[in-house]
PDB file of N, CA and C in Angstrom:
ATOM      1  N   MET A   1      19.015  -4.581   1.224  1.00  0.00           N
ATOM      2  CA  MET A   1      18.481  -5.427   0.175  1.00  0.00           C
ATOM      3  C   MET A   1      17.256  -5.872   0.616  1.00  0.00           C
ATOM      4  N   LEU A   2      15.902  -6.339   0.114  1.00  0.00           N
ATOM      5  CA  LEU A   2      14.773  -6.329   0.467  1.00  0.00           C
ATOM      6  C   LEU A   2      14.691  -8.100   0.798  1.00  0.00           C
ATOM      7  N   ASP A   3      14.588  -8.378   1.789  1.00  0.00           N
ATOM      8  CA  ASP A   3      14.526  -9.936   2.313  1.00  0.00           C
ATOM      9  C   ASP A   3      13.265 -10.494   1.887  1.00  0.00           C
ATOM     10  N   GLN A   4      11.830  -9.986   2.262  1.00  0.00           N
ATOM     11  CA  GLN A   4      10.892 -10.668   2.234  1.00  0.00           C
ATOM     12  C   GLN A   4       9.673  -9.488   1.981  1.00  0.00           C
ATOM     13  N   ALA A   5       8.678  -9.537   0.905  1.00  0.00           N
ATOM     14  CA  ALA A   5       7.708  -8.470   1.187  1.00  0.00           C
ATOM     15  C   ALA A   5       6.652  -9.271   2.142  1.00  0.00           C
ATOM     16  N   ARG A   6       6.036  -8.208   2.893  1.00  0.00           N
ATOM     17  CA  ARG A   6       5.222  -8.352   4.065  1.00  0.00           C
ATOM     18  C   ARG A   6       3.888  -8.789   3.309  1.00  0.00           C
ATOM     19  N   PHE A   7       3.575  -8.307   2.269  1.00  0.00           N
ATOM     20  CA  PHE A   7       2.039  -8.897   1.498  1.00  0.00           C
ATOM     21  C   PHE A   7       2.332  -9.517   0.255  1.00  0.00           C
ATOM     22  N   SER A   8       1.468 -10.087  -0.183  1.00  0.00           N
ATOM     23  CA  SER A   8       1.668 -11.013  -1.262  1.00  0.00           C
ATOM     24  C   SER A   8       0.888 -10.684  -2.537  1.00  0.00           C
ATOM     25  N   LEU A   9       0.809 -10.645  -3.829  1.00  0.00           N
ATOM     26  CA  LEU A   9      -0.403 -10.481  -4.918  1.00  0.00           C
ATOM     27  C   LEU A   9      -1.499 -10.837  -4.528  1.00  0.00           C
ATOM     28  N   GLY A  10      -2.396 -10.074  -4.671  1.00  0.00           N
ATOM     29  CA  GLY A  10      -3.876 -10.442  -4.225  1.00  0.00           C
ATOM     30  C   GLY A  10      -4.447 -10.434  -3.013  1.00  0.00           C
ATOM     31  N   ASP A  11      -3.488 -10.128  -1.936  1.00  0.00           N
ATOM     32  CA  ASP A  11      -3.776  -9.849  -0.756  1.00  0.00           C
ATOM     33  C   ASP A  11      -4.770  -8.547  -0.883  1.00  0.00           C
ATOM     34  N   ARG A  12      -5.403  -8.335   0.396  1.00  0.00           N
ATOM     35  CA  ARG A  12      -6.528  -7.264   0.703  1.00  0.00           C
ATOM     36  C   ARG A  12      -6.043  -6.308   1.683  1.00  0.00           C
ATOM     37  N   VAL A  13      -5.873  -5.094   1.496  1.00  0.00           N
ATOM     38  CA  VAL A  13      -4.903  -4.406   2.369  1.00  0.00           C
ATOM     39  C   VAL A  13      -5.877  -3.181   2.539  1.00  0.00           C
ATOM     40  N   LYS A  14      -5.566  -2.278   3.634  1.00  0.00           N
ATOM     41  CA  LYS A  14      -6.139  -0.974   3.860  1.00  0.00           C
ATOM     42  C   LYS A  14      -4.798   0.026   3.818  1.00  0.00           C
ATOM     43  N   LEU A  15      -5.207   1.434   3.630  1.00  0.00           N
ATOM     44  CA  LEU A  15      -4.282   2.502   4.053  1.00  0.00           C
ATOM     45  C   LEU A  15      -4.215   2.914   5.231  1.00  0.00           C
ATOM     46  N   VAL A  16      -3.039   2.956   6.013  1.00  0.00           N
ATOM     47  CA  VAL A  16      -3.124   3.703   7.523  1.00  0.00           C
ATOM     48  C   VAL A  16      -2.305   5.117   7.034  1.00  0.00           C
ATOM     49  N   ALA A  17      -2.589   5.745   8.240  1.00  0.00           N
ATOM     50  CA  ALA A  17      -2.447   7.059   8.108  1.00  0.00           C
ATOM     51  C   ALA A  17      -0.365   6.924   8.496  1.00  0.00           C
ATOM     52  N   ASP A  18       0.213   8.154   7.977  1.00  0.00           N
ATOM     53  CA  ASP A  18       1.380   8.197   8.304  1.00  0.00           C
ATOM     54  C   ASP A  18       1.544   9.096   9.641  1.00  0.00           C
ATOM     55  N   GLU A  19       2.195   8.324  10.532  1.00  0.00           N
ATOM     56  CA  GLU A  19       2.444   8.968  12.018  1.00  0.00           C
ATOM     57  C   GLU A  19       2.974  10.569  11.840  1.00  0.00           C
ATOM     58  N   ARG A  20       4.116  10.664  10.809  1.00  0.00           N
ATOM     59  CA  ARG A  20       4.662  11.784  10.984  1.00  0.00           C
ATOM     60  C   ARG A  20       3.795  12.870  10.038  1.00  0.00           C
ATOM     61  N   GLN A  21       2.882  12.577   9.397  1.00  0.00           N
ATOM     62  CA  GLN A  21       1.608  13.266   8.334  1.00  0.00           C
ATOM     63  C   GLN A  21       2.535  13.896   7.397  1.00  0.00           C
ATOM     64  N   MET A  22       3.467  13.185   6.859  1.00  0.00           N
ATOM     65  CA  MET A  22       4.237  13.328   5.718  1.00  0.00           C
ATOM     66  C   MET A  22       3.311  13.294   4.203  1.00  0.00           C
ATOM     67  N   ILE A  23       2.771  12.270   4.762  1.00  0.00           N
ATOM     68  CA  ILE A  23       1.653  11.710   3.422  1.00  0.00           C
ATOM     69  C   ILE A  23       0.269  12.060   3.936  1.00  0.00           C
ATOM     70  N   ARG A  24      -0.280  12.954   3.245  1.00  0.00           N
ATOM     71  CA  ARG A  24      -1.779  12.704   3.984  1.00  0.00           C
ATOM     72  C   ARG A  24      -2.856  11.885   2.964  1.00  0.00           C
ATOM     73  N   ILE A  25      -3.666  11.425   4.059  1.00  0.00           N
ATOM     74  CA  ILE A  25      -4.583  10.163   3.220  1.00  0.00           C
ATOM     75  C   ILE A  25      -5.886  10.778   3.738  1.00  0.00           C
ATOM     76  N   HIS A  26      -6.964  11.055   2.438  1.00  0.00           N
ATOM     77  CA  HIS A  26      -8.284  11.313   2.777  1.00  0.00           C
ATOM     78  C   HIS A  26      -8.918  10.098   3.493  1.00  0.00           C
ATOM     79  N   PRO A  27     -10.113  10.566   4.428  1.00  0.00           N
ATOM     80  CA  PRO A  27     -10.451   9.286   5.101  1.00  0.00           C
ATOM     81  C   PRO A  27     -11.275   8.699   4.208  1.00  0.00           C
ATOM     82  N   ASN A  28     -11.855   9.129   3.365  1.00  0.00           N
ATOM     83  CA  ASN A  28     -12.431   8.171   2.289  1.00  0.00           C
ATOM     84  C   ASN A  28     -11.265   7.198   1.550  1.00  0.00           C
ATOM     85  N   GLN A  29     -10.182   7.537   1.654  1.00  0.00           N
ATOM     86  CA  GLN A  29      -9.485   6.414   1.131  1.00  0.00           C
ATOM     87  C   GLN A  29      -8.679   5.532   1.871  1.00  0.00           C
ATOM     88  N   MET A  30      -9.101   5.677   3.191  1.00  0.00           N
ATOM     89  CA  MET A  30      -8.652   4.918   4.308  1.00  0.00           C
ATOM     90  C   MET A  30      -9.879   3.852   4.487  1.00  0.00           C
ATOM     91  N   ALA A  31     -11.052   4.036   4.060  1.00  0.00           N
ATOM     92  CA  ALA A  31     -12.102   3.493   4.404  1.00  0.00           C
ATOM     93  C   ALA A  31     -12.307   2.415   3.190  1.00  0.00           C
ATOM     94  N   LEU A  32     -11.490   2.592   2.024  1.00  0.00           N
ATOM     95  CA  LEU A  32     -11.657   1.538   1.228  1.00  0.00           C
ATOM     96  C   LEU A  32     -11.076   0.435   1.109  1.00  0.00           C
ATOM     97  N   THR A  33     -11.309  -0.801   0.904  1.00  0.00           N
ATOM     98  CA  THR A  33     -10.162  -1.859   0.581  1.00  0.00           C
ATOM     99  C   THR A  33      -9.607  -1.841  -0.657  1.00  0.00           C
ATOM    100  N   TYR A  34      -8.282  -2.188  -0.493  1.00  0.00           N
ATOM    101  CA  TYR A  34      -7.369  -2.408  -1.670  1.00  0.00           C
ATOM    102  C   TYR A  34      -6.931  -3.982  -2.066  1.00  0.00           C
ATOM    103  N   GLU A  35      -6.601  -4.105  -3.516  1.00  0.00           N
ATOM    104  CA  GLU A  35      -5.919  -5.389  -3.692  1.00  0.00           C
ATOM    105  C   GLU A  35      -4.492  -5.023  -3.948  1.00  0.00           C
ATOM    106  N   ILE A  36      -3.298  -5.843  -3.576  1.00  0.00           N
ATOM    107  CA  ILE A  36      -2.188  -5.860  -3.933  1.00  0.00           C
ATOM    108  C   ILE A  36      -2.039  -6.603  -5.453  1.00  0.00           C
ATOM    109  N   ILE A  37      -1.722  -5.734  -6.171  1.00  0.00           N
ATOM    110  CA  ILE A  37      -1.771  -5.829  -7.967  1.00  0.00           C
ATOM    111  C   ILE A  37      -0.082  -6.188  -8.312  1.00  0.00           C
ATOM    112  N   ARG A  38       0.872  -5.443  -8.013  1.00  0.00           N
ATOM    113  CA  ARG A  38       1.928  -5.627  -8.171  1.00  0.00           C
ATOM    114  C   ARG A  38       2.970  -5.573  -6.893  1.00  0.00           C
ATOM    115  N   ILE A  39       3.820  -6.235  -6.664  1.00  0.00           N
ATOM    116  CA  ILE A  39       5.061  -5.859  -5.863  1.00  0.00           C
ATOM    117  C   ILE A  39       6.141  -5.353  -6.698  1.00  0.00           C
ATOM    118  N   VAL A  40       6.469  -4.012  -6.572  1.00  0.00           N
ATOM    119  CA  VAL A  40       7.888  -3.110  -7.167  1.00  0.00           C
ATOM    120  C   VAL A  40       8.855  -3.734  -7.105  1.00  0.00           C
ATOM    121  N   PRO A  41      10.079  -4.047  -8.066  1.00  0.00           N
ATOM    122  CA  PRO A  41      11.179  -4.481  -7.564  1.00  0.00           C
ATOM    123  C   PRO A  41      11.903  -3.506  -7.246  1.00  0.00           C
ATOM    124  N   GLY A  42      12.834  -3.683  -6.160  1.00  0.00           N
ATOM    125  CA  GLY A  42      13.338  -2.731  -5.557  1.00  0.00           C
ATOM    126  C   GLY A  42      12.950  -2.418  -4.052  1.00  0.00           C
ATOM    127  N   GLU A  43      13.127  -1.403  -3.389  1.00  0.00           N
ATOM    128  CA  GLU A  43      13.102  -0.959  -2.342  1.00  0.00           C
ATOM    129  C   GLU A  43      12.971   0.389  -2.131  1.00  0.00           C
ATOM    130  N   ARG A  44      12.368   0.958  -1.059  1.00  0.00           N
ATOM    131  CA  ARG A  44      12.738   2.572  -0.517  1.00  0.00           C
ATOM    132  C   ARG A  44      12.853   2.416   0.857  1.00  0.00           C
ATOM    133  N   ASP A  45      13.892   3.046   1.485  1.00  0.00           N
ATOM    134  CA  ASP A  45      14.066   2.952   2.704  1.00  0.00           C
ATOM    135  C   ASP A  45      13.813   1.723   3.563  1.00  0.00           C
ATOM    136  N   GLY A  46      14.448   0.537   2.442  1.00  0.00           N
ATOM    137  CA  GLY A  46      13.966  -0.775   3.522  1.00  0.00           C
ATOM    138  C   GLY A  46      12.978  -1.451   3.126  1.00  0.00           C
ATOM    139  N   GLU A  47      12.096  -0.965   2.559  1.00  0.00           N
ATOM    140  CA  GLU A  47      10.563  -1.532   2.646  1.00  0.00           C
ATOM    141  C   GLU A  47      10.005  -1.541   1.094  1.00  0.00           C
ATOM    142  N   ALA A  48       9.112  -2.559   0.899  1.00  0.00           N
ATOM    143  CA  ALA A  48       8.579  -2.852  -0.332  1.00  0.00           C
ATOM    144  C   ALA A  48       7.965  -1.650  -0.652  1.00  0.00           C
ATOM    145  N   ILE A  49       7.582  -1.402  -2.224  1.00  0.00           N
ATOM    146  CA  ILE A  49       6.803  -0.850  -2.614  1.00  0.00           C
ATOM    147  C   ILE A  49       5.731  -1.662  -3.339  1.00  0.00           C
ATOM    148  N   TYR A  50       4.262  -1.363  -3.185  1.00  0.00           N
ATOM    149  CA  TYR A  50       3.161  -2.040  -3.719  1.00  0.00           C
ATOM    150  C   TYR A  50       2.436  -1.295  -4.858  1.00  0.00           C
ATOM    151  N   HIS A  51       1.753  -1.513  -5.476  1.00  0.00           N
ATOM    152  CA  HIS A  51       0.856  -1.273  -6.493  1.00  0.00           C
ATOM    153  C   HIS A  51      -0.513  -1.606  -6.080  1.00  0.00           C
ATOM    154  N   ILE A  52      -1.598  -0.597  -5.386  1.00  0.00           N
ATOM    155  CA  ILE A  52      -2.654  -1.437  -5.148  1.00  0.00           C
ATOM    156  C   ILE A  52      -3.779  -0.552  -6.083  1.00  0.00           C
ATOM    157  N   LYS A  53      -5.044  -1.177  -5.990  1.00  0.00           N
ATOM    158  CA  LYS A  53      -6.232  -0.813  -6.566  1.00  0.00           C
ATOM    159  C   LYS A  53      -7.210  -1.203  -5.796  1.00  0.00           C
ATOM    160  N   SER A  54      -8.212  -0.059  -6.219  1.00  0.00           N
ATOM    161  CA  SER A  54      -9.461  -0.089  -5.402  1.00  0.00           C
ATOM    162  C   SER A  54     -10.519  -0.525  -6.561  1.00  0.00           C
ATOM    163  N   ASP A  55     -11.732  -1.167  -6.294  1.00  0.00           N
ATOM    164  CA  ASP A  55     -12.511  -1.356  -7.466  1.00  0.00           C
ATOM    165  C   ASP A  55     -13.464   0.008  -7.464  1.00  0.00           C
ATOM    166  N   ARG A  56     -13.359   0.721  -6.443  1.00  0.00           N
ATOM    167  CA  ARG A  56     -14.140   2.161  -6.366  1.00  0.00           C
ATOM    168  C   ARG A  56     -13.207   3.361  -6.624  1.00  0.00           C
ATOM    169  N   GLU A  57     -12.038   3.167  -7.466  1.00  0.00           N
ATOM    170  CA  GLU A  57     -11.223   4.175  -7.768  1.00  0.00           C
ATOM    171  C   GLU A  57     -10.505   3.657  -9.271  1.00  0.00           C
ATOM    172  N   PRO A  58     -10.687   4.473 -10.333  1.00  0.00           N
ATOM    173  CA  PRO A  58     -10.233   4.217 -11.508  1.00  0.00           C
ATOM    174  C   PRO A  58      -8.961   4.054 -11.699  1.00  0.00           C
ATOM    175  N   HIS A  59      -7.825   4.080 -10.835  1.00  0.00           N
ATOM    176  CA  HIS A  59      -6.238   4.015 -11.130  1.00  0.00           C
ATOM    177  C   HIS A  59      -5.701   3.338  -9.703  1.00  0.00           C
ATOM    178  N   MET A  60      -4.491   3.188 -10.182  1.00  0.00           N
ATOM    179  CA  MET A  60      -3.754   2.308  -9.239  1.00  0.00           C
ATOM    180  C   MET A  60      -3.216   3.284  -8.123  1.00  0.00           C
ATOM    181  N   ARG A  61      -2.484   2.816  -7.066  1.00  0.00           N
ATOM    182  CA  ARG A  61      -1.525   3.485  -6.278  1.00  0.00           C
ATOM    183  C   ARG A  61      -0.381   3.041  -5.859  1.00  0.00           C
ATOM    184  N   ALA A  62       0.805   3.845  -5.931  1.00  0.00           N
ATOM    185  CA  ALA A  62       2.183   3.212  -5.605  1.00  0.00           C
ATOM    186  C   ALA A  62       1.956   3.831  -4.115  1.00  0.00           C
ATOM    187  N   VAL A  63       2.358   2.637  -3.150  1.00  0.00           N
ATOM    188  CA  VAL A  63       2.340   2.931  -1.625  1.00  0.00           C
ATOM    189  C   VAL A  63       3.381   2.177  -1.062  1.00  0.00           C
ATOM    190  N   ASP A  64       4.074   2.682  -0.083  1.00  0.00           N
ATOM    191  CA  ASP A  64       5.247   2.199   0.776  1.00  0.00           C
ATOM    192  C   ASP A  64       4.495   0.853   1.621  1.00  0.00           C
ATOM    193  N   GLU A  65       5.309   0.210   2.097  1.00  0.00           N
ATOM    194  CA  GLU A  65       4.662  -1.093   2.961  1.00  0.00           C
ATOM    195  C   GLU A  65       3.988  -0.426   4.191  1.00  0.00           C
ATOM    196  N   LYS A  66       5.170   0.724   4.666  1.00  0.00           N
ATOM    197  CA  LYS A  66       4.616   0.965   6.224  1.00  0.00           C
ATOM    198  C   LYS A  66       3.231   1.790   6.052  1.00  0.00           C
ATOM    199  N   HIS A  67       2.731   2.272   4.842  1.00  0.00           N
ATOM    200  CA  HIS A  67       1.190   2.756   4.671  1.00  0.00           C
ATOM    201  C   HIS A  67       0.262   1.612   4.745  1.00  0.00           C
ATOM    202  N   LEU A  68       0.516   0.546   4.767  1.00  0.00           N
ATOM    203  CA  LEU A  68      -0.187  -0.606   4.494  1.00  0.00           C
ATOM    204  C   LEU A  68      -0.727  -1.338   5.636  1.00  0.00           C
ATOM    205  N   ALA A  69      -1.921  -2.131   5.925  1.00  0.00           N
ATOM    206  CA  ALA A  69      -2.390  -2.972   6.813  1.00  0.00           C
ATOM    207  C   ALA A  69      -3.267  -3.879   6.464  1.00  0.00           C
ATOM    208  N   GLN A  70      -3.161  -5.328   6.462  1.00  0.00           N
ATOM    209  CA  GLN A  70      -4.240  -6.299   6.203  1.00  0.00           C
ATOM    210  C   GLN A  70      -5.491  -5.840   6.533  1.00  0.00           C
ATOM    211  N   ALA A  71      -6.362  -6.199   5.443  1.00  0.00           N
ATOM    212  CA  ALA A  71      -7.665  -5.858   5.492  1.00  0.00           C
ATOM    213  C   ALA A  71      -8.373  -6.840   6.254  1.00  0.00           C
TER     214      ALA A  71
END
């Protein structure tokens, strides 16, 4: 069970590359700053899942905690 999420609602974050290259992130996406708009109930592989949104994109993204860093 998830004890505590690393990020909070409203936090500003950046995407980080997946070391195993299983999820490809375009360099333009890595340059953006995103806001945490929802912490998804539950967990995946022991990590929180977040909905994030950038002012420069029209859609939200669902991202595992390991793919985020504080902006």
